[in-house]
Full PDB file with SEQRES, HELIX, SHEET, SSBOND, CRYST1, ORIGX, SCALE, CONECT and MASTER records, all heavy atoms in Angstrom:
SEQRES   1 A   34  ASN THR LEU ASP ASP ARG TRP PRO LEU GLY ASP ILE VAL          
SEQRES   2 A   34  PHE GLY ILE MET PHE PHE ALA ALA GLY GLN VAL ILE LEU          
SEQRES   3 A   34  TYR VAL PHE SER VAL ASP ILE CYS                              
HELIX    1 AA1 PRO A    8  TYR A   27  1                                  20    
HELIX    2 AA2 SER A   30  ILE A   33  1                                   4    
CRYST1    1.000    1.000    1.000  90.00  90.00  90.00 P 1           1          
ORIGX1      1.000000  0.000000  0.000000        0.00000                         
ORIGX2      0.000000  1.000000  0.000000        0.00000                         
ORIGX3      0.000000  0.000000  1.000000        0.00000                         
SCALE1      1.000000  0.000000  0.000000        0.00000                         
SCALE2      0.000000  1.000000  0.000000        0.00000                         
SCALE3      0.000000  0.000000  1.000000        0.00000                         
ATOM      1  N   ASN A   1     -21.634 143.026  69.561  1.00  0.00           N  
ATOM      2  CA  ASN A   1     -22.859 143.554  68.956  1.00  0.00           C  
ATOM      3  C   ASN A   1     -23.032 145.059  69.090  1.00  0.00           C  
ATOM      4  O   ASN A   1     -23.794 145.661  68.330  1.00  0.00           O  
ATOM      5  CB  ASN A   1     -24.088 142.873  69.575  1.00  0.00           C  
ATOM      6  CG  ASN A   1     -24.184 141.411  69.193  1.00  0.00           C  
ATOM      7  OD1 ASN A   1     -23.547 140.959  68.247  1.00  0.00           O  
ATOM      8  ND2 ASN A   1     -24.982 140.666  69.929  1.00  0.00           N  
ATOM      9  N   THR A   2     -22.358 145.680  70.055  1.00  0.00           N  
ATOM     10  CA  THR A   2     -22.611 147.085  70.352  1.00  0.00           C  
ATOM     11  C   THR A   2     -21.447 148.000  70.016  1.00  0.00           C  
ATOM     12  O   THR A   2     -21.655 149.121  69.532  1.00  0.00           O  
ATOM     13  CB  THR A   2     -22.969 147.254  71.849  1.00  0.00           C  
ATOM     14  OG1 THR A   2     -24.016 146.350  72.188  1.00  0.00           O  
ATOM     15  CG2 THR A   2     -23.437 148.672  72.129  1.00  0.00           C  
ATOM     16  N   LEU A   3     -20.237 147.559  70.276  1.00  0.00           N  
ATOM     17  CA  LEU A   3     -19.083 148.436  70.132  1.00  0.00           C  
ATOM     18  C   LEU A   3     -18.391 148.237  68.790  1.00  0.00           C  
ATOM     19  O   LEU A   3     -18.351 147.125  68.253  1.00  0.00           O  
ATOM     20  CB  LEU A   3     -18.076 148.184  71.260  1.00  0.00           C  
ATOM     21  CG  LEU A   3     -18.601 148.285  72.692  1.00  0.00           C  
ATOM     22  CD1 LEU A   3     -17.454 148.094  73.668  1.00  0.00           C  
ATOM     23  CD2 LEU A   3     -19.287 149.619  72.931  1.00  0.00           C  
ATOM     24  N   ASP A   4     -17.855 149.322  68.269  1.00  0.00           N  
ATOM     25  CA  ASP A   4     -17.030 149.240  67.062  1.00  0.00           C  
ATOM     26  C   ASP A   4     -15.616 148.790  67.399  1.00  0.00           C  
ATOM     27  O   ASP A   4     -14.942 148.149  66.590  1.00  0.00           O  
ATOM     28  CB  ASP A   4     -16.988 150.606  66.368  1.00  0.00           C  
ATOM     29  CG  ASP A   4     -18.361 151.018  65.843  1.00  0.00           C  
ATOM     30  OD1 ASP A   4     -19.131 150.114  65.479  1.00  0.00           O  
ATOM     31  OD2 ASP A   4     -18.655 152.228  65.809  1.00  0.00           O  
ATOM     32  N   ASP A   5     -15.178 149.132  68.602  1.00  0.00           N  
ATOM     33  CA  ASP A   5     -13.825 148.796  69.033  1.00  0.00           C  
ATOM     34  C   ASP A   5     -13.803 147.384  69.603  1.00  0.00           C  
ATOM     35  O   ASP A   5     -14.656 147.015  70.420  1.00  0.00           O  
ATOM     36  CB  ASP A   5     -13.371 149.812  70.093  1.00  0.00           C  
ATOM     37  CG  ASP A   5     -11.908 149.627  70.462  1.00  0.00           C  
ATOM     38  OD1 ASP A   5     -11.220 148.814  69.810  1.00  0.00           O  
ATOM     39  OD2 ASP A   5     -11.446 150.306  71.403  1.00  0.00           O  
ATOM     40  N   ARG A   6     -12.837 146.580  69.193  1.00  0.00           N  
ATOM     41  CA  ARG A   6     -12.719 145.203  69.673  1.00  0.00           C  
ATOM     42  C   ARG A   6     -11.632 145.044  70.742  1.00  0.00           C  
ATOM     43  O   ARG A   6     -11.461 143.956  71.286  1.00  0.00           O  
ATOM     44  CB  ARG A   6     -12.414 144.255  68.504  1.00  0.00           C  
ATOM     45  CG  ARG A   6     -13.541 144.140  67.491  1.00  0.00           C  
ATOM     46  CD  ARG A   6     -14.755 143.447  68.099  1.00  0.00           C  
ATOM     47  NE  ARG A   6     -15.842 143.290  67.122  1.00  0.00           N  
ATOM     48  CZ  ARG A   6     -16.858 144.104  67.009  1.00  0.00           C  
ATOM     49  NH1 ARG A   6     -16.944 145.170  67.813  1.00  0.00           N  
ATOM     50  NH2 ARG A   6     -17.806 143.900  66.109  1.00  0.00           N  
ATOM     51  N   TRP A   7     -10.936 146.113  71.066  1.00  0.00           N  
ATOM     52  CA  TRP A   7      -9.864 146.020  72.047  1.00  0.00           C  
ATOM     53  C   TRP A   7     -10.350 145.576  73.434  1.00  0.00           C  
ATOM     54  O   TRP A   7      -9.615 144.889  74.158  1.00  0.00           O  
ATOM     55  CB  TRP A   7      -9.120 147.351  72.155  1.00  0.00           C  
ATOM     56  CG  TRP A   7      -8.173 147.580  71.027  1.00  0.00           C  
ATOM     57  CD1 TRP A   7      -8.304 148.454  69.998  1.00  0.00           C  
ATOM     58  CD2 TRP A   7      -6.933 146.906  70.800  1.00  0.00           C  
ATOM     59  NE1 TRP A   7      -7.247 148.367  69.129  1.00  0.00           N  
ATOM     60  CE2 TRP A   7      -6.381 147.426  69.604  1.00  0.00           C  
ATOM     61  CE3 TRP A   7      -6.232 145.907  71.477  1.00  0.00           C  
ATOM     62  CZ2 TRP A   7      -5.167 146.990  69.082  1.00  0.00           C  
ATOM     63  CZ3 TRP A   7      -5.017 145.465  70.952  1.00  0.00           C  
ATOM     64  CH2 TRP A   7      -4.498 146.003  69.773  1.00  0.00           C  
ATOM     65  N   PRO A   8     -11.561 145.964  73.873  1.00  0.00           N  
ATOM     66  CA  PRO A   8     -12.023 145.473  75.177  1.00  0.00           C  
ATOM     67  C   PRO A   8     -12.058 143.958  75.298  1.00  0.00           C  
ATOM     68  O   PRO A   8     -11.992 143.416  76.414  1.00  0.00           O  
ATOM     69  CB  PRO A   8     -13.434 146.070  75.297  1.00  0.00           C  
ATOM     70  CG  PRO A   8     -13.373 147.322  74.492  1.00  0.00           C  
ATOM     71  CD  PRO A   8     -12.474 146.992  73.331  1.00  0.00           C  
ATOM     72  N   LEU A   9     -12.159 143.248  74.169  1.00  0.00           N  
ATOM     73  CA  LEU A   9     -12.099 141.783  74.230  1.00  0.00           C  
ATOM     74  C   LEU A   9     -10.772 141.310  74.806  1.00  0.00           C  
ATOM     75  O   LEU A   9     -10.713 140.267  75.469  1.00  0.00           O  
ATOM     76  CB  LEU A   9     -12.308 141.190  72.832  1.00  0.00           C  
ATOM     77  CG  LEU A   9     -13.714 141.313  72.234  1.00  0.00           C  
ATOM     78  CD1 LEU A   9     -13.719 140.788  70.806  1.00  0.00           C  
ATOM     79  CD2 LEU A   9     -14.735 140.559  73.091  1.00  0.00           C  
ATOM     80  N   GLY A  10      -9.721 142.064  74.550  1.00  0.00           N  
ATOM     81  CA  GLY A  10      -8.413 141.720  75.115  1.00  0.00           C  
ATOM     82  C   GLY A  10      -8.423 141.792  76.631  1.00  0.00           C  
ATOM     83  O   GLY A  10      -7.826 140.946  77.305  1.00  0.00           O  
ATOM     84  N   ASP A  11      -9.115 142.806  77.181  1.00  0.00           N  
ATOM     85  CA  ASP A  11      -9.225 142.912  78.638  1.00  0.00           C  
ATOM     86  C   ASP A  11      -9.972 141.714  79.204  1.00  0.00           C  
ATOM     87  O   ASP A  11      -9.608 141.189  80.268  1.00  0.00           O  
ATOM     88  CB  ASP A  11      -9.954 144.208  79.011  1.00  0.00           C  
ATOM     89  CG  ASP A  11      -9.226 145.448  78.509  1.00  0.00           C  
ATOM     90  OD1 ASP A  11      -7.983 145.403  78.458  1.00  0.00           O  
ATOM     91  OD2 ASP A  11      -9.892 146.442  78.188  1.00  0.00           O  
ATOM     92  N   ILE A  12     -11.020 141.279  78.508  1.00  0.00           N  
ATOM     93  CA  ILE A  12     -11.781 140.119  78.953  1.00  0.00           C  
ATOM     94  C   ILE A  12     -10.913 138.868  78.932  1.00  0.00           C  
ATOM     95  O   ILE A  12     -10.901 138.076  79.885  1.00  0.00           O  
ATOM     96  CB  ILE A  12     -13.025 139.916  78.068  1.00  0.00           C  
ATOM     97  CG1 ILE A  12     -13.976 141.113  78.196  1.00  0.00           C  
ATOM     98  CG2 ILE A  12     -13.756 138.628  78.444  1.00  0.00           C  
ATOM     99  CD1 ILE A  12     -15.151 141.055  77.249  1.00  0.00           C  
ATOM    100  N   VAL A  13     -10.166 138.686  77.848  1.00  0.00           N  
ATOM    101  CA  VAL A  13      -9.305 137.502  77.716  1.00  0.00           C  
ATOM    102  C   VAL A  13      -8.247 137.472  78.810  1.00  0.00           C  
ATOM    103  O   VAL A  13      -8.020 136.426  79.453  1.00  0.00           O  
ATOM    104  CB  VAL A  13      -8.643 137.468  76.322  1.00  0.00           C  
ATOM    105  CG1 VAL A  13      -7.578 136.378  76.259  1.00  0.00           C  
ATOM    106  CG2 VAL A  13      -9.692 137.246  75.237  1.00  0.00           C  
ATOM    107  N   PHE A  14      -7.599 138.605  79.046  1.00  0.00           N  
ATOM    108  CA  PHE A  14      -6.564 138.655  80.086  1.00  0.00           C  
ATOM    109  C   PHE A  14      -7.169 138.402  81.471  1.00  0.00           C  
ATOM    110  O   PHE A  14      -6.560 137.731  82.314  1.00  0.00           O  
ATOM    111  CB  PHE A  14      -5.845 139.995  80.063  1.00  0.00           C  
ATOM    112  CG  PHE A  14      -4.728 140.062  79.061  1.00  0.00           C  
ATOM    113  CD1 PHE A  14      -4.843 140.830  77.916  1.00  0.00           C  
ATOM    114  CD2 PHE A  14      -3.564 139.344  79.264  1.00  0.00           C  
ATOM    115  CE1 PHE A  14      -3.818 140.888  76.984  1.00  0.00           C  
ATOM    116  CE2 PHE A  14      -2.517 139.391  78.342  1.00  0.00           C  
ATOM    117  CZ  PHE A  14      -2.647 140.160  77.192  1.00  0.00           C  
ATOM    118  N   GLY A  15      -8.361 138.945  81.706  1.00  0.00           N  
ATOM    119  CA  GLY A  15      -9.024 138.706  82.986  1.00  0.00           C  
ATOM    120  C   GLY A  15      -9.309 137.239  83.209  1.00  0.00           C  
ATOM    121  O   GLY A  15      -9.083 136.700  84.303  1.00  0.00           O  
ATOM    122  N   ILE A  16      -9.799 136.557  82.165  1.00  0.00           N  
ATOM    123  CA  ILE A  16     -10.071 135.121  82.256  1.00  0.00           C  
ATOM    124  C   ILE A  16      -8.783 134.345  82.489  1.00  0.00           C  
ATOM    125  O   ILE A  16      -8.727 133.413  83.306  1.00  0.00           O  
ATOM    126  CB  ILE A  16     -10.772 134.634  80.981  1.00  0.00           C  
ATOM    127  CG1 ILE A  16     -12.143 135.288  80.833  1.00  0.00           C  
ATOM    128  CG2 ILE A  16     -10.923 133.114  81.003  1.00  0.00           C  
ATOM    129  CD1 ILE A  16     -12.803 135.002  79.504  1.00  0.00           C  
ATOM    130  N   MET A  17      -7.739 134.732  81.771  1.00  0.00           N  
ATOM    131  CA  MET A  17      -6.453 134.032  81.906  1.00  0.00           C  
ATOM    132  C   MET A  17      -5.895 134.164  83.314  1.00  0.00           C  
ATOM    133  O   MET A  17      -5.416 133.183  83.898  1.00  0.00           O  
ATOM    134  CB  MET A  17      -5.455 134.584  80.881  1.00  0.00           C  
ATOM    135  CG  MET A  17      -5.749 134.194  79.451  1.00  0.00           C  
ATOM    136  SD  MET A  17      -4.635 135.014  78.265  1.00  0.00           S  
ATOM    137  CE  MET A  17      -3.036 134.493  78.878  1.00  0.00           C  
ATOM    138  N   PHE A  18      -5.944 135.368  83.876  1.00  0.00           N  
ATOM    139  CA  PHE A  18      -5.435 135.576  85.228  1.00  0.00           C  
ATOM    140  C   PHE A  18      -6.239 134.753  86.244  1.00  0.00           C  
ATOM    141  O   PHE A  18      -5.657 134.104  87.129  1.00  0.00           O  
ATOM    142  CB  PHE A  18      -5.497 137.057  85.608  1.00  0.00           C  
ATOM    143  CG  PHE A  18      -4.438 137.885  84.952  1.00  0.00           C  
ATOM    144  CD1 PHE A  18      -4.747 139.105  84.362  1.00  0.00           C  
ATOM    145  CD2 PHE A  18      -3.111 137.469  84.918  1.00  0.00           C  
ATOM    146  CE1 PHE A  18      -3.770 139.887  83.752  1.00  0.00           C  
ATOM    147  CE2 PHE A  18      -2.126 138.235  84.314  1.00  0.00           C  
ATOM    148  CZ  PHE A  18      -2.455 139.451  83.728  1.00  0.00           C  
ATOM    149  N   PHE A  19      -7.579 134.789  86.108  1.00  0.00           N  
ATOM    150  CA  PHE A  19      -8.413 134.070  87.072  1.00  0.00           C  
ATOM    151  C   PHE A  19      -8.195 132.559  86.949  1.00  0.00           C  
ATOM    152  O   PHE A  19      -8.053 131.863  87.965  1.00  0.00           O  
ATOM    153  CB  PHE A  19      -9.885 134.407  86.843  1.00  0.00           C  
ATOM    154  CG  PHE A  19     -10.801 133.797  87.859  1.00  0.00           C  
ATOM    155  CD1 PHE A  19     -10.966 134.383  89.101  1.00  0.00           C  
ATOM    156  CD2 PHE A  19     -11.494 132.629  87.573  1.00  0.00           C  
ATOM    157  CE1 PHE A  19     -11.810 133.818  90.049  1.00  0.00           C  
ATOM    158  CE2 PHE A  19     -12.330 132.052  88.513  1.00  0.00           C  
ATOM    159  CZ  PHE A  19     -12.490 132.653  89.752  1.00  0.00           C  
ATOM    160  N   ALA A  20      -8.163 132.052  85.718  1.00  0.00           N  
ATOM    161  CA  ALA A  20      -7.966 130.614  85.509  1.00  0.00           C  
ATOM    162  C   ALA A  20      -6.600 130.166  86.017  1.00  0.00           C  
ATOM    163  O   ALA A  20      -6.476 129.110  86.658  1.00  0.00           O  
ATOM    164  CB  ALA A  20      -8.125 130.278  84.028  1.00  0.00           C  
ATOM    165  N   ALA A  21      -5.581 130.977  85.749  1.00  0.00           N  
ATOM    166  CA  ALA A  21      -4.234 130.637  86.224  1.00  0.00           C  
ATOM    167  C   ALA A  21      -4.201 130.590  87.746  1.00  0.00           C  
ATOM    168  O   ALA A  21      -3.576 129.697  88.341  1.00  0.00           O  
ATOM    169  CB  ALA A  21      -3.229 131.658  85.698  1.00  0.00           C  
ATOM    170  N   GLY A  22      -4.890 131.532  88.378  1.00  0.00           N  
ATOM    171  CA  GLY A  22      -4.922 131.545  89.839  1.00  0.00           C  
ATOM    172  C   GLY A  22      -5.587 130.309  90.407  1.00  0.00           C  
ATOM    173  O   GLY A  22      -5.113 129.729  91.397  1.00  0.00           O  
ATOM    174  N   GLN A  23      -6.685 129.854  89.769  1.00  0.00           N  
ATOM    175  CA  GLN A  23      -7.380 128.664  90.258  1.00  0.00           C  
ATOM    176  C   GLN A  23      -6.535 127.405  90.073  1.00  0.00           C  
ATOM    177  O   GLN A  23      -6.491 126.539  90.955  1.00  0.00           O  
ATOM    178  CB  GLN A  23      -8.715 128.512  89.524  1.00  0.00           C  
ATOM    179  CG  GLN A  23      -9.673 129.670  89.703  1.00  0.00           C  
ATOM    180  CD  GLN A  23      -9.953 129.981  91.150  1.00  0.00           C  
ATOM    181  OE1 GLN A  23     -10.521 129.167  91.871  1.00  0.00           O  
ATOM    182  NE2 GLN A  23      -9.556 131.162  91.603  1.00  0.00           N  
ATOM    183  N   VAL A  24      -5.854 127.316  88.932  1.00  0.00           N  
ATOM    184  CA  VAL A  24      -5.007 126.143  88.681  1.00  0.00           C  
ATOM    185  C   VAL A  24      -3.847 126.102  89.666  1.00  0.00           C  
ATOM    186  O   VAL A  24      -3.534 125.046  90.243  1.00  0.00           O  
ATOM    187  CB  VAL A  24      -4.485 126.165  87.229  1.00  0.00           C  
ATOM    188  CG1 VAL A  24      -3.439 125.077  87.022  1.00  0.00           C  
ATOM    189  CG2 VAL A  24      -5.637 125.991  86.248  1.00  0.00           C  
ATOM    190  N   ILE A  25      -3.199 127.234  89.867  1.00  0.00           N  
ATOM    191  CA  ILE A  25      -2.083 127.287  90.816  1.00  0.00           C  
ATOM    192  C   ILE A  25      -2.571 126.950  92.217  1.00  0.00           C  
ATOM    193  O   ILE A  25      -1.912 126.223  92.971  1.00  0.00           O  
ATOM    194  CB  ILE A  25      -1.434 128.684  90.791  1.00  0.00           C  
ATOM    195  CG1 ILE A  25      -0.732 128.910  89.457  1.00  0.00           C  
ATOM    196  CG2 ILE A  25      -0.444 128.842  91.941  1.00  0.00           C  
ATOM    197  CD1 ILE A  25      -0.208 130.320  89.277  1.00  0.00           C  
ATOM    198  N   LEU A  26      -3.742 127.476  92.563  1.00  0.00           N  
ATOM    199  CA  LEU A  26      -4.270 127.303  93.919  1.00  0.00           C  
ATOM    200  C   LEU A  26      -4.608 125.852  94.216  1.00  0.00           C  
ATOM    201  O   LEU A  26      -4.247 125.309  95.271  1.00  0.00           O  
ATOM    202  CB  LEU A  26      -5.517 128.183  94.081  1.00  0.00           C  
ATOM    203  CG  LEU A  26      -6.039 128.432  95.496  1.00  0.00           C  
ATOM    204  CD1 LEU A  26      -5.006 129.171  96.328  1.00  0.00           C  
ATOM    205  CD2 LEU A  26      -7.342 129.210  95.450  1.00  0.00           C  
ATOM    206  N   TYR A  27      -5.303 125.195  93.282  1.00  0.00           N  
ATOM    207  CA  TYR A  27      -5.837 123.876  93.567  1.00  0.00           C  
ATOM    208  C   TYR A  27      -5.016 122.714  93.013  1.00  0.00           C  
ATOM    209  O   TYR A  27      -5.280 121.563  93.358  1.00  0.00           O  
ATOM    210  CB  TYR A  27      -7.263 123.776  93.017  1.00  0.00           C  
ATOM    211  CG  TYR A  27      -8.214 124.781  93.630  1.00  0.00           C  
ATOM    212  CD1 TYR A  27      -8.983 125.626  92.827  1.00  0.00           C  
ATOM    213  CD2 TYR A  27      -8.324 124.903  95.011  1.00  0.00           C  
ATOM    214  CE1 TYR A  27      -9.857 126.549  93.392  1.00  0.00           C  
ATOM    215  CE2 TYR A  27      -9.186 125.824  95.580  1.00  0.00           C  
ATOM    216  CZ  TYR A  27      -9.948 126.653  94.767  1.00  0.00           C  
ATOM    217  OH  TYR A  27     -10.801 127.567  95.330  1.00  0.00           O  
ATOM    218  N   VAL A  28      -4.033 123.016  92.157  1.00  0.00           N  
ATOM    219  CA  VAL A  28      -3.257 121.942  91.540  1.00  0.00           C  
ATOM    220  C   VAL A  28      -1.787 121.977  91.966  1.00  0.00           C  
ATOM    221  O   VAL A  28      -1.223 120.944  92.361  1.00  0.00           O  
ATOM    222  CB  VAL A  28      -3.354 122.003  89.996  1.00  0.00           C  
ATOM    223  CG1 VAL A  28      -2.501 120.907  89.367  1.00  0.00           C  
ATOM    224  CG2 VAL A  28      -4.814 121.881  89.541  1.00  0.00           C  
ATOM    225  N   PHE A  29      -1.179 123.159  91.917  1.00  0.00           N  
ATOM    226  CA  PHE A  29       0.271 123.251  92.118  1.00  0.00           C  
ATOM    227  C   PHE A  29       0.676 123.836  93.458  1.00  0.00           C  
ATOM    228  O   PHE A  29       1.859 124.117  93.672  1.00  0.00           O  
ATOM    229  CB  PHE A  29       0.899 124.084  90.994  1.00  0.00           C  
ATOM    230  CG  PHE A  29       0.720 123.492  89.629  1.00  0.00           C  
ATOM    231  CD1 PHE A  29      -0.136 124.072  88.707  1.00  0.00           C  
ATOM    232  CD2 PHE A  29       1.402 122.343  89.266  1.00  0.00           C  
ATOM    233  CE1 PHE A  29      -0.308 123.542  87.448  1.00  0.00           C  
ATOM    234  CE2 PHE A  29       1.244 121.795  88.008  1.00  0.00           C  
ATOM    235  CZ  PHE A  29       0.380 122.394  87.093  1.00  0.00           C  
ATOM    236  N   SER A  30      -0.249 124.019  94.365  1.00  0.00           N  
ATOM    237  CA  SER A  30       0.073 124.668  95.633  1.00  0.00           C  
ATOM    238  C   SER A  30       1.122 123.901  96.429  1.00  0.00           C  
ATOM    239  O   SER A  30       2.084 124.470  96.949  1.00  0.00           O  
ATOM    240  CB  SER A  30      -1.200 124.836  96.474  1.00  0.00           C  
ATOM    241  OG  SER A  30      -0.897 125.501  97.685  1.00  0.00           O  
ATOM    242  N   VAL A  31       0.948 122.587  96.528  1.00  0.00           N  
ATOM    243  CA  VAL A  31       1.898 121.773  97.297  1.00  0.00           C  
ATOM    244  C   VAL A  31       3.274 121.788  96.642  1.00  0.00           C  
ATOM    245  O   VAL A  31       4.304 121.886  97.331  1.00  0.00           O  
ATOM    246  CB  VAL A  31       1.369 120.336  97.434  1.00  0.00           C  
ATOM    247  CG1 VAL A  31       2.413 119.450  98.125  1.00  0.00           C  
ATOM    248  CG2 VAL A  31       0.061 120.311  98.219  1.00  0.00           C  
ATOM    249  N   ASP A  32       3.320 121.702  95.309  1.00  0.00           N  
ATOM    250  CA  ASP A  32       4.603 121.728  94.602  1.00  0.00           C  
ATOM    251  C   ASP A  32       5.332 123.056  94.836  1.00  0.00           C  
ATOM    252  O   ASP A  32       6.548 123.079  95.049  1.00  0.00           O  
ATOM    253  CB  ASP A  32       4.373 121.520  93.100  1.00  0.00           C  
ATOM    254  CG  ASP A  32       3.781 120.159  92.793  1.00  0.00           C  
ATOM    255  OD1 ASP A  32       4.101 119.202  93.528  1.00  0.00           O  
ATOM    256  OD2 ASP A  32       2.990 120.054  91.835  1.00  0.00           O  
ATOM    257  N   ILE A  33       4.597 124.150  94.797  1.00  0.00           N  
ATOM    258  CA  ILE A  33       5.195 125.475  95.040  1.00  0.00           C  
ATOM    259  C   ILE A  33       5.704 125.568  96.471  1.00  0.00           C  
ATOM    260  O   ILE A  33       6.799 126.076  96.730  1.00  0.00           O  
ATOM    261  CB  ILE A  33       4.166 126.586  94.758  1.00  0.00           C  
ATOM    262  CG1 ILE A  33       3.821 126.621  93.276  1.00  0.00           C  
ATOM    263  CG2 ILE A  33       4.697 127.943  95.207  1.00  0.00           C  
ATOM    264  CD1 ILE A  33       2.676 127.547  92.935  1.00  0.00           C  
ATOM    265  N   CYS A  34       4.918 125.044  97.391  1.00  0.00           N  
ATOM    266  CA  CYS A  34       5.300 125.087  98.804  1.00  0.00           C  
ATOM    267  C   CYS A  34       6.585 124.290  99.052  1.00  0.00           C  
ATOM    268  O   CYS A  34       7.485 124.756  99.757  1.00  0.00           O  
ATOM    269  CB  CYS A  34       4.152 124.543  99.647  1.00  0.00           C  
ATOM    270  SG  CYS A  34       4.447 124.547 101.421  1.00  0.00           S  
TER     271      CYS A  34                                                      
MASTER        0    0    0    2    0    0    0    6  270    1    0    3          
END                                                                             
């Protein structure tokens, strides 16, 4: 609604992806990795 540039949405998407991946690895695949 405010910015003309849409590139910051990419930063938001990558941030969500990194955080979600960390939670999945932490709570789902930790034993398998170990």
